[in-house]
């Protein structure tokens, strides 16, 4: 073998059934083992033999408009899902604390108003995509959404920033359990959010 594979599928930080009953075991098996693995495989194929082999995804995203659509779709798919698994957990739910909660309340008036804005971003994203809580270039929190596997780190994003929370609203993320009931899926997502990880990411960006 002449080279090592650049990107690999990360292990889930918990069991496939750990997010039951809100996200079902079978969905997690397929979502992580099939969909995410396909993004990783296709990304490695797309960057093979190019300068992108020696770049981080974040470096690629900064100039995403200059690179092929296969890298945009699969690089985004890999990065987005890597974040998604980490910001969920079996001990999730409730709400954040400390500096992040204060920032959310300052920006959105209340945590409940933030949840409503985030749910709306996910529910109204036409077709497939993501809803995000990001920290923008001014250090401010913003709720936004992107189509397909785009994310706010990409120079093609309508609203740019660094995601600290994201929810997948592709049908493969929820259809086995929720069918067309995306708002119900979004409502239950809050019961598995790993706020300690989201708080950690926010604190890193505020340093």
Protein backbone atom coordinates (compact mmCIF):
# COMPACT_ATOMS: atom_id res chain seq x y z
CA UNK A 1 0.00 0.00 0.00
CA UNK A 2 1.57 3.27 -1.13
CA UNK A 3 -0.36 5.60 1.13
CA UNK A 4 -2.45 5.61 4.26
CA UNK A 5 -6.13 6.44 3.97
CA UNK A 6 -6.60 10.09 4.87
CA UNK A 7 -10.06 9.91 6.43
CA UNK A 8 -11.59 7.12 8.50
CA UNK A 9 -15.00 6.46 10.01
CA UNK A 10 -14.92 7.47 13.69
CA UNK A 11 -16.30 5.06 16.25
CA UNK A 12 -19.57 6.03 17.86
CA UNK A 13 -18.92 7.28 21.40
CA UNK A 14 -21.83 5.10 22.64
CA UNK A 15 -23.80 2.02 21.57
CA UNK A 16 -26.22 2.02 18.65
CA UNK A 17 -29.11 1.68 21.10
CA UNK A 18 -27.90 4.36 23.54
CA UNK A 19 -30.22 7.09 22.23
CA UNK A 20 -33.39 5.01 22.44
CA UNK A 21 -36.27 5.71 22.45
CA UNK A 22 -35.66 9.07 20.77
CA UNK A 23 -33.34 7.83 18.02
CA UNK A 24 -33.75 4.14 17.33
CA UNK A 25 -31.00 1.52 17.19
CA UNK A 26 -31.62 0.47 13.58
CA UNK A 27 -31.42 4.06 12.34
CA UNK A 28 -28.12 4.54 14.17
CA UNK A 29 -26.69 1.34 12.68
CA UNK A 30 -27.55 2.39 9.14
CA UNK A 31 -26.79 6.08 9.59
CA UNK A 32 -23.34 5.56 11.08
CA UNK A 33 -22.26 2.28 9.48
CA UNK A 34 -23.66 2.81 5.98
CA UNK A 35 -24.28 6.50 5.27
CA UNK A 36 -21.31 7.97 7.14
CA UNK A 37 -19.01 5.22 5.89
CA UNK A 38 -20.04 6.02 2.31
CA UNK A 39 -19.17 9.69 2.79
CA UNK A 40 -15.73 8.70 4.10
CA UNK A 41 -15.08 6.28 1.23
CA UNK A 42 -16.23 8.72 -1.43
CA UNK A 43 -14.23 11.57 0.12
CA UNK A 44 -11.02 9.53 0.08
CA UNK A 45 -11.64 8.63 -3.56
CA UNK A 46 -12.33 12.26 -4.47
CA UNK A 47 -9.14 13.67 -2.93
CA UNK A 48 -6.78 10.87 -3.95
CA UNK A 49 -3.79 12.21 -5.86
CA UNK A 50 -4.70 15.87 -5.25
CA UNK A 51 -3.40 18.63 -2.99
CA UNK A 52 -6.43 18.02 -0.79
CA UNK A 53 -4.87 14.82 0.55
CA UNK A 54 -2.56 16.99 2.64
CA UNK A 55 -5.22 19.46 3.78
CA UNK A 56 -7.63 19.35 6.71
CA UNK A 57 -11.31 19.49 5.91
CA UNK A 58 -11.47 22.90 7.57
CA UNK A 59 -8.78 24.17 5.18
CA UNK A 60 -10.70 22.80 2.22
CA UNK A 61 -13.98 24.29 3.44
CA UNK A 62 -12.49 27.79 3.62
CA UNK A 63 -12.10 27.69 -0.18
CA UNK A 64 -14.81 25.15 -0.93
CA UNK A 65 -15.98 27.02 -4.01
CA UNK A 66 -12.66 26.15 -5.70
CA UNK A 67 -12.95 22.39 -5.21
CA UNK A 68 -15.08 19.64 -6.80
CA UNK A 69 -18.68 18.99 -5.79
CA UNK A 70 -17.76 15.43 -4.77
CA UNK A 71 -15.46 16.86 -2.10
CA UNK A 72 -18.08 19.36 -0.98
CA UNK A 73 -20.78 16.70 -0.62
CA UNK A 74 -18.68 13.94 0.93
CA UNK A 75 -16.29 16.13 2.93
CA UNK A 76 -19.28 17.92 4.38
CA UNK A 77 -21.02 14.61 5.02
CA UNK A 78 -18.01 13.30 6.93
CA UNK A 79 -17.38 16.45 9.00
CA UNK A 80 -21.06 17.07 9.75
CA UNK A 81 -21.69 13.53 10.98
CA UNK A 82 -18.51 13.47 13.06
CA UNK A 83 -19.88 16.50 14.92
CA UNK A 84 -23.40 15.05 15.09
CA UNK A 85 -22.36 11.87 16.90
CA UNK A 86 -20.32 13.82 19.44
CA UNK A 87 -22.94 16.40 20.38
CA UNK A 88 -25.43 13.66 21.26
CA UNK A 89 -25.32 11.16 24.10
CA UNK A 90 -27.38 8.92 26.38
CA UNK A 91 -27.02 11.38 29.25
CA UNK A 92 -28.23 14.30 27.15
CA UNK A 93 -31.16 16.59 27.52
CA UNK A 94 -32.03 19.41 29.89
CA UNK A 95 -30.21 22.61 28.91
CA UNK A 96 -26.68 24.04 28.91
CA UNK A 97 -25.23 25.93 31.83
CA UNK A 98 -22.73 28.66 32.56
CA UNK A 99 -21.35 30.89 29.83
CA UNK A 100 -23.15 29.15 26.97
CA UNK A 101 -26.58 29.41 28.59
CA UNK A 102 -25.95 33.08 29.35
CA UNK A 103 -24.93 33.72 25.74
CA UNK A 104 -28.01 31.91 24.41
CA UNK A 105 -30.33 33.88 26.69
CA UNK A 106 -28.66 37.14 25.73
CA UNK A 107 -28.87 36.41 22.00
CA UNK A 108 -32.30 34.74 21.81
CA UNK A 109 -34.04 36.19 24.91
CA UNK A 110 -34.56 32.72 26.41
CA UNK A 111 -33.45 29.13 25.95
CA UNK A 112 -36.96 28.24 24.81
CA UNK A 113 -36.87 30.96 22.14
CA UNK A 114 -33.54 29.56 20.94
CA UNK A 115 -35.03 26.05 20.72
CA UNK A 116 -37.95 27.41 18.72
CA UNK A 117 -35.62 29.19 16.29
CA UNK A 118 -33.44 26.10 15.90
CA UNK A 119 -36.44 23.80 15.38
CA UNK A 120 -37.84 26.20 12.80
CA UNK A 121 -34.53 26.23 10.91
CA UNK A 122 -34.58 22.44 10.78
CA UNK A 123 -38.28 22.04 9.99
CA UNK A 124 -38.30 24.62 7.19
CA UNK A 125 -35.11 23.42 5.46
CA UNK A 126 -36.57 22.23 2.16
CA UNK A 127 -35.40 18.76 1.20
CA UNK A 128 -32.25 17.52 2.87
CA UNK A 129 -29.85 19.49 5.03
CA UNK A 130 -28.87 20.59 8.51
CA UNK A 131 -29.77 23.13 11.18
CA UNK A 132 -26.94 24.71 13.17
CA UNK A 133 -26.00 26.79 16.16
CA UNK A 134 -22.82 28.60 15.17
CA UNK A 135 -20.38 31.13 16.52
CA UNK A 136 -19.83 33.76 13.83
CA UNK A 137 -16.73 35.83 13.08
CA UNK A 138 -17.81 38.40 15.70
CA UNK A 139 -18.12 35.75 18.40
CA UNK A 140 -21.92 35.94 18.30
CA UNK A 141 -24.28 32.98 18.36
CA UNK A 142 -26.45 32.47 15.28
CA UNK A 143 -28.99 29.87 14.17
CA UNK A 144 -28.79 28.90 10.53
CA UNK A 145 -29.35 26.00 8.15
CA UNK A 146 -27.60 24.62 5.08
CA UNK A 147 -28.72 22.38 2.23
CA UNK A 148 -27.46 18.88 1.55
CA UNK A 149 -24.10 18.30 3.30
CA UNK A 150 -22.97 21.93 3.28
CA UNK A 151 -21.97 23.51 6.57
CA UNK A 152 -21.26 27.06 7.82
CA UNK A 153 -17.48 26.56 7.64
CA UNK A 154 -17.71 26.57 3.84
CA UNK A 155 -17.20 29.74 1.86
CA UNK A 156 -20.36 28.84 -0.10
CA UNK A 157 -22.55 29.05 3.04
CA UNK A 158 -25.08 31.87 3.21
CA UNK A 159 -24.21 32.45 6.89
CA UNK A 160 -20.68 31.49 7.91
CA UNK A 161 -19.29 30.53 11.30
CA UNK A 162 -18.15 27.58 13.38
CA UNK A 163 -20.86 25.06 14.33
CA UNK A 164 -21.10 23.96 17.95
CA UNK A 165 -24.45 22.17 17.58
CA UNK A 166 -26.04 20.62 14.52
CA UNK A 167 -28.95 18.37 13.66
CA UNK A 168 -29.25 16.23 10.55
CA UNK A 169 -32.60 16.66 8.80
CA UNK A 170 -31.93 14.28 5.94
CA UNK A 171 -34.70 11.68 5.90
CA UNK A 172 -32.18 8.90 6.54
CA UNK A 173 -31.65 10.43 10.01
CA UNK A 174 -35.24 9.90 11.15
CA UNK A 175 -37.51 8.21 8.60
CA UNK A 176 -37.56 4.67 10.04
CA UNK A 177 -38.98 5.95 13.33
CA UNK A 178 -40.69 9.24 12.44
CA UNK A 179 -41.57 8.90 8.74
CA UNK A 180 -42.59 12.41 7.61
CA UNK A 181 -42.84 13.80 11.16
CA UNK A 182 -39.67 15.87 11.09
CA UNK A 183 -40.91 18.34 13.77
CA UNK A 184 -41.40 15.44 16.21
CA UNK A 185 -37.86 14.22 15.51
CA UNK A 186 -36.53 17.73 16.12
CA UNK A 187 -38.46 18.01 19.38
CA UNK A 188 -36.98 14.72 20.62
CA UNK A 189 -33.46 15.68 19.52
CA UNK A 190 -33.24 17.96 22.56
CA UNK A 191 -33.52 14.91 24.82
CA UNK A 192 -30.20 13.52 23.56
CA UNK A 193 -28.09 16.69 23.20
CA UNK A 194 -24.73 16.34 24.99
CA UNK A 195 -24.55 19.88 26.36
CA UNK A 196 -21.18 19.32 28.03
CA UNK A 197 -19.64 18.76 24.59
CA UNK A 198 -21.43 21.78 23.12
CA UNK A 199 -20.25 23.90 26.06
CA UNK A 200 -16.68 22.65 25.54
CA UNK A 201 -16.76 23.67 21.88
CA UNK A 202 -18.15 27.09 22.74
CA UNK A 203 -15.48 27.64 25.39
CA UNK A 204 -12.72 26.69 22.91
CA UNK A 205 -13.95 29.30 20.44
CA UNK A 206 -14.22 32.00 23.09
CA UNK A 207 -10.60 31.66 24.25
